[in-house]
N, C-alpha and C. Protein backbone atom coordinates (compact mmCIF):
# COMPACT_ATOMS: atom_id res chain seq x y z
N MET A 1 8.08 -12.19 -20.35
CA MET A 1 8.85 -13.39 -20.34
C MET A 1 8.56 -14.24 -18.88
N GLY A 2 7.95 -14.94 -18.90
CA GLY A 2 7.61 -15.91 -17.68
C GLY A 2 7.63 -17.23 -18.12
N ARG A 3 7.52 -18.09 -17.38
CA ARG A 3 7.32 -19.65 -17.24
C ARG A 3 6.33 -20.20 -15.85
N ARG A 4 5.74 -21.03 -16.13
CA ARG A 4 4.70 -21.56 -15.32
C ARG A 4 5.21 -22.86 -14.81
N HIS A 5 5.25 -22.58 -13.40
CA HIS A 5 5.55 -24.08 -12.75
C HIS A 5 4.68 -24.31 -11.01
N ARG A 6 4.83 -25.30 -10.69
CA ARG A 6 4.31 -25.87 -9.72
C ARG A 6 4.99 -25.25 -8.44
N ALA A 7 4.20 -24.54 -7.47
CA ALA A 7 5.24 -24.20 -6.38
C ALA A 7 4.66 -24.87 -5.25
N GLY A 8 4.01 -26.05 -5.22
CA GLY A 8 4.30 -27.38 -4.30
C GLY A 8 2.91 -26.76 -3.23
N VAL A 9 2.27 -25.53 -3.32
CA VAL A 9 1.50 -25.54 -2.40
C VAL A 9 0.02 -25.72 -2.91
N GLY A 10 -0.46 -25.53 -4.05
CA GLY A 10 -1.51 -25.95 -4.66
C GLY A 10 -1.47 -25.63 -6.29
N ALA A 11 -2.15 -24.55 -6.81
CA ALA A 11 -2.23 -24.63 -7.89
C ALA A 11 -1.05 -23.71 -8.85
N THR A 12 -0.97 -24.08 -10.15
CA THR A 12 -0.21 -23.48 -10.78
C THR A 12 0.21 -21.79 -10.72
N VAL A 13 1.39 -21.56 -10.58
CA VAL A 13 1.56 -19.90 -10.74
C VAL A 13 2.22 -19.31 -11.82
N GLU A 14 2.35 -18.20 -12.07
CA GLU A 14 2.96 -17.69 -13.25
C GLU A 14 4.35 -16.78 -12.47
N ARG A 15 5.52 -17.18 -13.06
CA ARG A 15 6.58 -16.05 -12.19
C ARG A 15 7.33 -15.70 -13.40
N ALA A 16 7.54 -14.38 -13.21
CA ALA A 16 8.22 -13.78 -13.93
C ALA A 16 9.92 -13.92 -14.00
N VAL A 17 10.68 -14.20 -15.10
CA VAL A 17 11.99 -14.51 -14.80
C VAL A 17 12.64 -13.60 -16.14
N LYS A 18 13.47 -12.94 -15.79
CA LYS A 18 14.36 -11.95 -16.39
C LYS A 18 15.77 -12.50 -16.66
N GLU A 19 16.40 -12.28 -18.07
CA GLU A 19 17.17 -12.81 -18.19
C GLU A 19 18.62 -12.50 -17.54
N THR A 20 18.58 -11.27 -17.08
CA THR A 20 19.84 -10.83 -15.86
C THR A 20 19.43 -11.39 -14.19
N GLN A 21 18.21 -11.95 -14.06
CA GLN A 21 18.26 -12.66 -12.83
C GLN A 21 19.01 -13.38 -12.35
N THR A 22 19.14 -13.03 -11.08
CA THR A 22 20.61 -13.69 -10.53
C THR A 22 20.20 -14.80 -9.66
N THR A 23 20.88 -15.73 -9.26
CA THR A 23 20.08 -16.87 -8.33
C THR A 23 19.78 -16.33 -6.83
N PRO A 24 18.75 -16.86 -6.18
CA PRO A 24 18.75 -16.34 -4.90
C PRO A 24 19.47 -17.11 -3.99
N ARG A 25 19.90 -15.95 -2.98
CA ARG A 25 20.88 -16.81 -1.94
C ARG A 25 20.34 -17.89 -1.20
N ALA A 26 21.09 -18.99 -0.67
CA ALA A 26 20.69 -19.68 0.05
C ALA A 26 19.65 -19.54 1.29
N GLY A 27 18.61 -19.85 1.34
CA GLY A 27 17.91 -19.78 2.64
C GLY A 27 16.34 -18.45 2.16
N SER A 28 16.88 -17.76 0.92
CA SER A 28 16.13 -16.70 0.89
C SER A 28 14.58 -17.18 0.45
N PRO A 29 13.51 -16.86 0.82
CA PRO A 29 12.17 -16.87 0.31
C PRO A 29 12.02 -16.86 -1.56
N ALA A 30 11.01 -17.75 -1.82
CA ALA A 30 10.95 -18.14 -3.42
C ALA A 30 9.95 -16.90 -3.65
N ARG A 31 10.07 -16.22 -4.58
CA ARG A 31 9.36 -15.49 -5.09
C ARG A 31 8.23 -16.20 -6.28
N ALA A 32 6.91 -15.83 -6.32
CA ALA A 32 5.65 -16.13 -7.14
C ALA A 32 4.85 -15.22 -7.29
N VAL A 33 3.73 -15.69 -8.39
CA VAL A 33 2.67 -14.94 -8.54
C VAL A 33 1.41 -15.88 -8.39
N VAL A 34 0.16 -15.29 -8.13
CA VAL A 34 -0.90 -16.16 -7.93
C VAL A 34 -1.92 -15.23 -8.54
N TRP A 35 -2.53 -15.82 -9.70
CA TRP A 35 -3.80 -15.30 -10.34
C TRP A 35 -5.02 -15.70 -9.60
N ALA A 36 -5.73 -14.89 -8.67
CA ALA A 36 -6.60 -15.41 -8.05
C ALA A 36 -7.92 -14.14 -8.06
N GLY A 37 -8.87 -14.69 -8.78
CA GLY A 37 -10.01 -13.89 -8.65
C GLY A 37 -9.87 -12.56 -10.13
N GLY A 38 -9.23 -13.06 -10.83
CA GLY A 38 -8.66 -12.01 -11.81
C GLY A 38 -7.57 -11.17 -11.44
N ALA A 39 -6.97 -11.26 -10.22
CA ALA A 39 -6.03 -10.64 -9.85
C ALA A 39 -4.65 -10.95 -9.79
N ARG A 40 -3.72 -10.35 -10.10
CA ARG A 40 -2.26 -10.79 -9.97
C ARG A 40 -1.72 -10.58 -8.58
N THR A 41 -1.03 -11.24 -7.77
CA THR A 41 -0.58 -11.11 -6.57
C THR A 41 0.49 -11.94 -6.15
N GLU A 42 1.39 -10.93 -6.37
CA GLU A 42 2.93 -11.56 -5.77
C GLU A 42 2.89 -11.85 -4.52
N TYR A 43 3.80 -12.87 -4.17
CA TYR A 43 4.07 -13.32 -2.71
C TYR A 43 5.38 -14.11 -2.99
N LEU A 44 5.83 -14.31 -1.33
CA LEU A 44 7.11 -14.72 -1.25
C LEU A 44 6.61 -16.10 -0.47
N ARG A 45 7.52 -16.99 -0.32
CA ARG A 45 7.14 -18.64 0.15
C ARG A 45 8.28 -18.94 0.73
N ALA A 46 8.08 -19.47 2.08
CA ALA A 46 9.26 -20.16 2.61
C ALA A 46 9.11 -21.15 3.66
N GLY A 47 9.75 -22.06 3.83
CA GLY A 47 9.11 -23.07 4.89
C GLY A 47 8.51 -24.33 4.49
N SER A 48 7.86 -24.97 5.43
CA SER A 48 7.08 -26.07 5.34
C SER A 48 6.37 -26.53 6.44
N GLY A 49 5.32 -27.21 6.35
CA GLY A 49 4.33 -27.33 7.51
C GLY A 49 2.89 -26.28 7.38
N THR A 50 2.36 -26.12 8.44
CA THR A 50 1.48 -25.61 8.78
C THR A 50 1.57 -24.03 7.88
N VAL A 51 0.45 -23.68 7.52
CA VAL A 51 0.52 -22.47 6.61
C VAL A 51 0.24 -21.22 7.37
N VAL A 52 1.32 -20.22 7.32
CA VAL A 52 1.04 -19.04 7.94
C VAL A 52 0.98 -17.97 6.96
N LEU A 53 -0.28 -17.08 6.52
CA LEU A 53 -0.46 -15.99 6.09
C LEU A 53 0.44 -14.94 6.70
N LEU A 54 1.50 -14.15 6.22
CA LEU A 54 2.05 -13.05 6.62
C LEU A 54 1.41 -11.79 5.94
N LEU A 55 0.99 -10.74 6.50
CA LEU A 55 0.13 -9.73 5.97
C LEU A 55 0.83 -8.86 6.79
N VAL A 56 2.02 -8.29 5.55
CA VAL A 56 2.53 -6.77 6.12
C VAL A 56 2.56 -6.04 4.95
N GLY A 57 2.50 -4.39 5.33
CA GLY A 57 2.59 -3.72 4.42
C GLY A 57 3.78 -3.44 3.17
N GLU A 58 5.01 -4.03 3.42
CA GLU A 58 6.35 -4.25 2.80
C GLU A 58 6.41 -5.76 2.70
N TYR A 59 5.78 -6.35 1.76
CA TYR A 59 5.98 -7.72 2.26
C TYR A 59 7.18 -8.50 2.01
N ASP A 60 8.21 -7.62 0.89
CA ASP A 60 9.33 -7.81 0.54
C ASP A 60 10.31 -7.11 1.41
N GLY A 61 10.11 -6.11 2.29
CA GLY A 61 11.03 -5.55 2.96
C GLY A 61 11.74 -6.34 3.76
N PRO A 62 12.92 -5.70 4.14
CA PRO A 62 14.03 -5.97 5.23
C PRO A 62 13.35 -6.61 6.42
N GLY A 63 12.43 -5.87 7.13
CA GLY A 63 11.61 -6.75 8.37
C GLY A 63 10.80 -7.86 8.10
N ALA A 64 10.13 -7.70 6.87
CA ALA A 64 9.21 -9.00 6.42
C ALA A 64 10.10 -10.30 6.15
N LEU A 65 11.45 -9.76 5.40
CA LEU A 65 12.35 -10.83 5.12
C LEU A 65 13.03 -11.50 6.60
N GLU A 66 13.23 -11.06 7.63
CA GLU A 66 13.75 -11.09 8.59
C GLU A 66 12.57 -12.01 9.50
N LEU A 67 11.13 -11.63 9.44
CA LEU A 67 10.37 -12.34 9.86
C LEU A 67 10.07 -13.93 9.25
N ILE A 68 9.77 -13.52 7.82
CA ILE A 68 9.87 -14.88 7.02
C ILE A 68 10.87 -15.62 7.53
N GLU A 69 12.14 -15.48 7.64
CA GLU A 69 12.94 -16.43 8.02
C GLU A 69 13.03 -17.42 9.35
N LEU A 70 12.70 -16.22 10.24
CA LEU A 70 12.17 -16.71 11.68
C LEU A 70 11.08 -17.80 11.51
N ILE A 71 9.75 -17.32 11.10
CA ILE A 71 8.68 -18.31 11.22
C ILE A 71 9.16 -19.27 10.17
N SER A 72 9.62 -19.16 8.86
CA SER A 72 9.64 -20.40 8.40
C SER A 72 10.45 -21.47 8.71
N SER A 73 11.07 -21.44 9.79
CA SER A 73 12.27 -22.28 10.10
C SER A 73 10.86 -23.28 11.01
N ALA A 74 9.59 -23.36 11.65
CA ALA A 74 8.67 -24.06 11.75
C ALA A 74 7.52 -24.31 10.84
N PHE A 75 7.22 -23.01 9.94
CA PHE A 75 5.78 -23.21 8.99
C PHE A 75 6.41 -22.82 7.89
N LEU A 76 5.10 -23.25 6.98
CA LEU A 76 5.04 -22.73 5.73
C LEU A 76 4.75 -20.98 5.52
N VAL A 77 5.69 -20.00 5.26
CA VAL A 77 5.43 -18.91 5.35
C VAL A 77 4.80 -18.40 3.78
N ILE A 78 3.84 -17.68 3.71
CA ILE A 78 3.43 -17.01 2.83
C ILE A 78 3.08 -15.65 2.65
N ALA A 79 3.54 -14.78 2.31
CA ALA A 79 3.53 -13.14 2.30
C ALA A 79 3.14 -12.87 1.05
N PRO A 80 1.76 -12.36 0.87
CA PRO A 80 1.47 -11.75 -0.40
C PRO A 80 1.50 -10.20 0.24
N SER A 81 1.79 -9.68 -1.72
CA SER A 81 1.73 -8.16 -1.62
C SER A 81 -0.01 -7.86 -1.42
N VAL A 82 -0.34 -7.38 -0.52
CA VAL A 82 -1.70 -6.80 -0.14
C VAL A 82 -2.04 -5.71 -1.19
N PRO A 83 -2.96 -5.77 -1.94
CA PRO A 83 -3.16 -4.37 -2.93
C PRO A 83 -4.16 -3.90 -2.08
N ARG A 84 -3.97 -2.57 -2.24
CA ARG A 84 -4.67 -1.50 -2.04
C ARG A 84 -6.17 -1.23 -2.66
N GLY A 85 -7.26 -0.73 -1.90
CA GLY A 85 -8.49 -0.77 -2.66
C GLY A 85 -9.22 -1.66 -3.07
N VAL A 86 -8.88 -2.84 -2.78
CA VAL A 86 -9.75 -4.17 -2.92
C VAL A 86 -10.26 -4.38 -1.50
N ALA A 87 -11.65 -5.24 -2.19
CA ALA A 87 -12.25 -5.97 -0.91
C ALA A 87 -11.36 -6.86 -0.26
N PHE A 88 -10.83 -6.58 0.82
CA PHE A 88 -9.98 -7.68 1.65
C PHE A 88 -10.49 -8.84 1.86
N ALA A 89 -11.68 -9.35 2.28
CA ALA A 89 -12.12 -10.54 2.48
C ALA A 89 -11.96 -11.45 0.95
N SER A 90 -12.60 -10.59 -0.02
CA SER A 90 -12.82 -11.50 -0.85
C SER A 90 -11.17 -12.04 -1.76
N TRP A 91 -10.60 -11.00 -1.84
CA TRP A 91 -9.14 -11.08 -1.83
C TRP A 91 -7.97 -11.90 -1.32
N LEU A 92 -8.35 -11.94 -0.01
CA LEU A 92 -7.77 -13.09 0.68
C LEU A 92 -8.09 -14.26 0.61
N SER A 93 -9.35 -14.61 0.44
CA SER A 93 -10.05 -15.81 0.22
C SER A 93 -9.76 -16.22 -1.48
N ASN A 94 -9.80 -15.69 -2.40
CA ASN A 94 -9.13 -15.70 -3.81
C ASN A 94 -7.79 -16.25 -3.92
N VAL A 95 -6.98 -15.56 -3.20
CA VAL A 95 -5.63 -15.99 -2.96
C VAL A 95 -5.33 -17.27 -2.37
N MET A 96 -6.27 -17.56 -1.25
CA MET A 96 -6.15 -18.95 -0.48
C MET A 96 -6.72 -19.91 -1.51
N ASP A 97 -7.48 -19.79 -2.00
CA ASP A 97 -8.25 -20.62 -3.14
C ASP A 97 -7.09 -20.68 -4.13
N GLY A 98 -6.85 -19.83 -4.78
CA GLY A 98 -5.80 -20.05 -5.90
C GLY A 98 -4.44 -20.71 -5.42
N LEU A 99 -4.08 -20.87 -4.11
CA LEU A 99 -2.90 -21.43 -3.59
C LEU A 99 -3.21 -22.89 -3.07
N GLY A 100 -4.38 -23.33 -3.12
CA GLY A 100 -4.92 -24.37 -2.41
C GLY A 100 -4.89 -24.61 -1.21
N ILE A 101 -4.91 -23.26 -0.42
CA ILE A 101 -4.75 -23.46 0.98
C ILE A 101 -6.44 -23.48 1.66
N ALA A 102 -6.60 -24.54 2.33
CA ALA A 102 -7.89 -24.82 2.83
C ALA A 102 -8.24 -24.23 4.32
N SER A 103 -6.93 -23.75 5.12
CA SER A 103 -6.80 -22.95 6.25
C SER A 103 -5.38 -22.68 6.75
N ALA A 104 -5.55 -21.44 7.36
CA ALA A 104 -4.09 -21.14 7.69
C ALA A 104 -4.31 -20.28 8.99
N CYS A 105 -3.15 -19.97 9.56
CA CYS A 105 -3.01 -19.00 10.51
C CYS A 105 -2.55 -17.73 9.94
N VAL A 106 -2.93 -16.45 10.75
CA VAL A 106 -2.74 -15.57 9.94
C VAL A 106 -1.98 -14.42 10.73
N VAL A 107 -0.73 -13.89 10.45
CA VAL A 107 0.00 -13.27 11.19
C VAL A 107 -0.25 -11.51 10.31
N ALA A 108 -0.85 -10.81 11.06
CA ALA A 108 -1.11 -9.37 10.40
C ALA A 108 -0.47 -8.26 11.02
N GLU A 109 0.04 -7.04 10.54
CA GLU A 109 0.20 -6.02 11.13
C GLU A 109 -0.98 -5.02 11.27
N THR A 110 -0.72 -4.03 12.49
CA THR A 110 -2.23 -3.34 12.53
C THR A 110 -2.75 -2.79 11.67
N THR A 111 -2.05 -2.46 10.15
CA THR A 111 -2.79 -2.03 9.14
C THR A 111 -3.95 -3.24 8.95
N PHE A 112 -3.73 -4.50 8.66
CA PHE A 112 -4.29 -5.52 8.04
C PHE A 112 -5.08 -6.24 9.49
N PHE A 113 -4.87 -5.92 10.65
CA PHE A 113 -5.23 -6.93 11.50
C PHE A 113 -6.83 -6.91 11.65
N ALA A 114 -7.57 -5.85 11.67
CA ALA A 114 -8.97 -5.77 11.68
C ALA A 114 -9.79 -6.33 10.75
N ASP A 115 -9.32 -6.32 9.56
CA ASP A 115 -9.93 -7.23 8.36
C ASP A 115 -9.49 -8.39 8.30
N ALA A 116 -8.40 -8.67 8.71
CA ALA A 116 -7.96 -10.32 8.95
C ALA A 116 -9.06 -10.87 10.29
N GLU A 117 -9.15 -10.08 11.35
CA GLU A 117 -10.16 -10.65 12.13
C GLU A 117 -11.18 -10.65 11.30
N ARG A 118 -12.14 -9.93 10.82
CA ARG A 118 -13.59 -9.80 10.26
C ARG A 118 -13.59 -11.18 9.14
N PHE A 119 -12.38 -11.25 8.31
CA PHE A 119 -12.23 -12.52 7.70
C PHE A 119 -12.49 -13.81 8.37
N ALA A 120 -11.61 -13.68 9.57
CA ALA A 120 -11.71 -14.92 9.98
C ALA A 120 -12.93 -15.37 10.92
N ALA A 121 -13.83 -14.43 11.16
CA ALA A 121 -15.32 -14.59 11.92
C ALA A 121 -16.04 -14.80 10.69
N ALA A 122 -16.05 -14.11 9.37
CA ALA A 122 -16.93 -14.56 8.85
C ALA A 122 -16.73 -15.99 7.91
N ALA A 123 -15.27 -16.28 7.35
CA ALA A 123 -14.97 -17.40 6.86
C ALA A 123 -14.55 -18.45 7.73
N GLU A 124 -15.73 -18.84 8.66
CA GLU A 124 -15.42 -19.92 9.86
C GLU A 124 -14.50 -21.36 9.01
N GLY A 125 -13.55 -21.75 9.76
CA GLY A 125 -12.74 -22.71 9.37
C GLY A 125 -11.77 -22.41 8.74
N ARG A 126 -11.43 -21.53 8.10
CA ARG A 126 -10.66 -21.05 6.82
C ARG A 126 -9.30 -20.61 7.79
N VAL A 127 -9.48 -19.97 8.62
CA VAL A 127 -8.25 -19.28 9.92
C VAL A 127 -8.45 -19.59 11.03
N ARG A 128 -7.29 -20.52 11.24
CA ARG A 128 -7.06 -20.98 12.67
C ARG A 128 -6.82 -19.94 13.87
N ARG A 129 -5.99 -19.50 13.38
CA ARG A 129 -5.81 -18.08 14.69
C ARG A 129 -5.50 -16.92 13.78
N VAL A 130 -5.55 -15.71 14.50
CA VAL A 130 -4.69 -14.54 13.75
C VAL A 130 -3.79 -13.76 15.10
N ALA A 131 -2.86 -13.59 14.39
CA ALA A 131 -1.88 -12.81 15.51
C ALA A 131 -1.59 -11.39 15.02
N LEU A 132 -1.46 -10.76 16.04
CA LEU A 132 -0.95 -9.10 15.40
C LEU A 132 0.26 -8.96 15.73
N LEU A 133 0.96 -8.33 14.77
CA LEU A 133 2.45 -8.48 14.88
C LEU A 133 2.56 -6.49 15.14
N GLU A 134 3.05 -6.40 16.14
CA GLU A 134 3.34 -4.97 16.24
C GLU A 134 4.98 -4.63 16.39
N ALA A 135 5.04 -3.46 16.39
CA ALA A 135 6.56 -2.75 16.08
C ALA A 135 7.01 -2.22 17.48
N ARG A 136 8.05 -2.68 17.85
CA ARG A 136 9.06 -1.81 19.21
C ARG A 136 9.65 -0.79 18.48
N ALA A 137 9.79 0.22 19.59
CA ALA A 137 10.66 1.60 19.24
C ALA A 137 11.81 0.82 18.64
N GLU A 138 12.65 -0.06 19.11
CA GLU A 138 13.92 -0.73 18.72
C GLU A 138 13.54 -1.26 17.66
N GLY A 139 12.52 -1.70 16.97
CA GLY A 139 12.58 -2.23 15.71
C GLY A 139 12.06 -3.55 15.76
N ALA A 140 12.17 -4.48 16.67
CA ALA A 140 11.82 -5.83 16.87
C ALA A 140 10.61 -6.08 16.86
N GLY A 141 10.04 -7.29 16.38
CA GLY A 141 8.71 -7.55 16.07
C GLY A 141 8.12 -8.26 17.65
N VAL A 142 6.98 -8.02 17.62
CA VAL A 142 6.16 -8.75 18.55
C VAL A 142 4.76 -9.30 18.05
N LEU A 143 4.62 -10.62 18.54
CA LEU A 143 3.41 -11.37 17.99
C LEU A 143 2.80 -11.19 19.10
N ARG A 144 1.39 -11.05 19.02
CA ARG A 144 0.27 -11.00 20.17
C ARG A 144 -0.55 -12.18 19.49
N LEU A 145 -0.94 -12.92 20.27
CA LEU A 145 -1.95 -14.18 19.86
C LEU A 145 -3.10 -13.45 20.38
N ARG A 146 -4.42 -13.50 19.06
CA ARG A 146 -5.67 -13.59 19.44
C ARG A 146 -6.51 -14.56 19.16
N GLU A 147 -7.16 -15.21 19.81
CA GLU A 147 -7.94 -16.15 19.04
C GLU A 147 -9.37 -15.64 19.19
């Protein structure tokens, strides 16, 4: 049971809607799905302005939601669920194309950082900056910008 709607970023996406779904609380990111390169990718979206792709293992976990809230105050944050076992560069390019994103900044945790840097180097002009997200012992995230 799904419906199609326009996410405001680019292409039409499909979003699963269940009868029992409750209204999201104010300020929480919108959930959506993009079909890109034949693959279904769920993502969260919040904010407006320059696009920031947030690449973390638990895209909808408490830490990611906190980061999305923080970053979305100044940027449009897209936090996709990164699939395992796919060609990362191809997948990321397809997601960006599917959402109509010509270029973006990428914030990636260590798991995805090397792949994000390789993608940025190979896809000149698509990635403005890559920032490394590191975890501190007390749990707070640190962004370290690498250009």
